[in-house]
């Protein structure tokens, strides 16, 4: 299974760690796209100003989001899809998630400084991945990394949910919506093969 396929699967998992329902995710996605559309149409040079995240947290969220879902040959990255903006909206709207997010980002930056004397966004790509590899696999993580594991896994799920409800993500999965069909030709062979396997 390809990494992006795994992320698509994660996007279907309930976002219980962030106390969000699928309806909450849809509402947040619609709001985020409206904000991004407005920025593009009215002030294309103006950057988004986060309402919840502090400057270091914002930089960390942007870097970590693109580690979770980087740009590939098929589609854009998490930041290109507006995932950080989505997360900012979620934190402002669903305030019970704020402490968990802030604590997790704080843990990540503290771990980065302890290992490499710099905050996470200022590390080299290899240094960032070294930390992520220590917290991305719950069954392999050391006991002292458990706080990072809980944060990263919840962050990854939120990132996947945000990405695959964005315009870029919907296009990535090939969702066509209600498109009229001249004739029904049945389920595609590839889908039948996967279902049977």
Foldseek 3Di string as FASTA:
>chain_A
DDLVVVLLVLLPDALVLQPDGLVNLLVLLVVQVVVVVCCCPPPVVDDDDFDQDDPLLLLVLVVLQCVLADADPQFHGLVVLRLSVSVSVSCVVSVVRRVLSVVLQVVQQVVCCVVPVGGLSPDDPVSNVVLCVQQCDVVNHDPVCPSNVSSSVSSSSSSSNSNCSGPRNVVSVPDDPDDDDPDDPDDDPVVVVVVVD
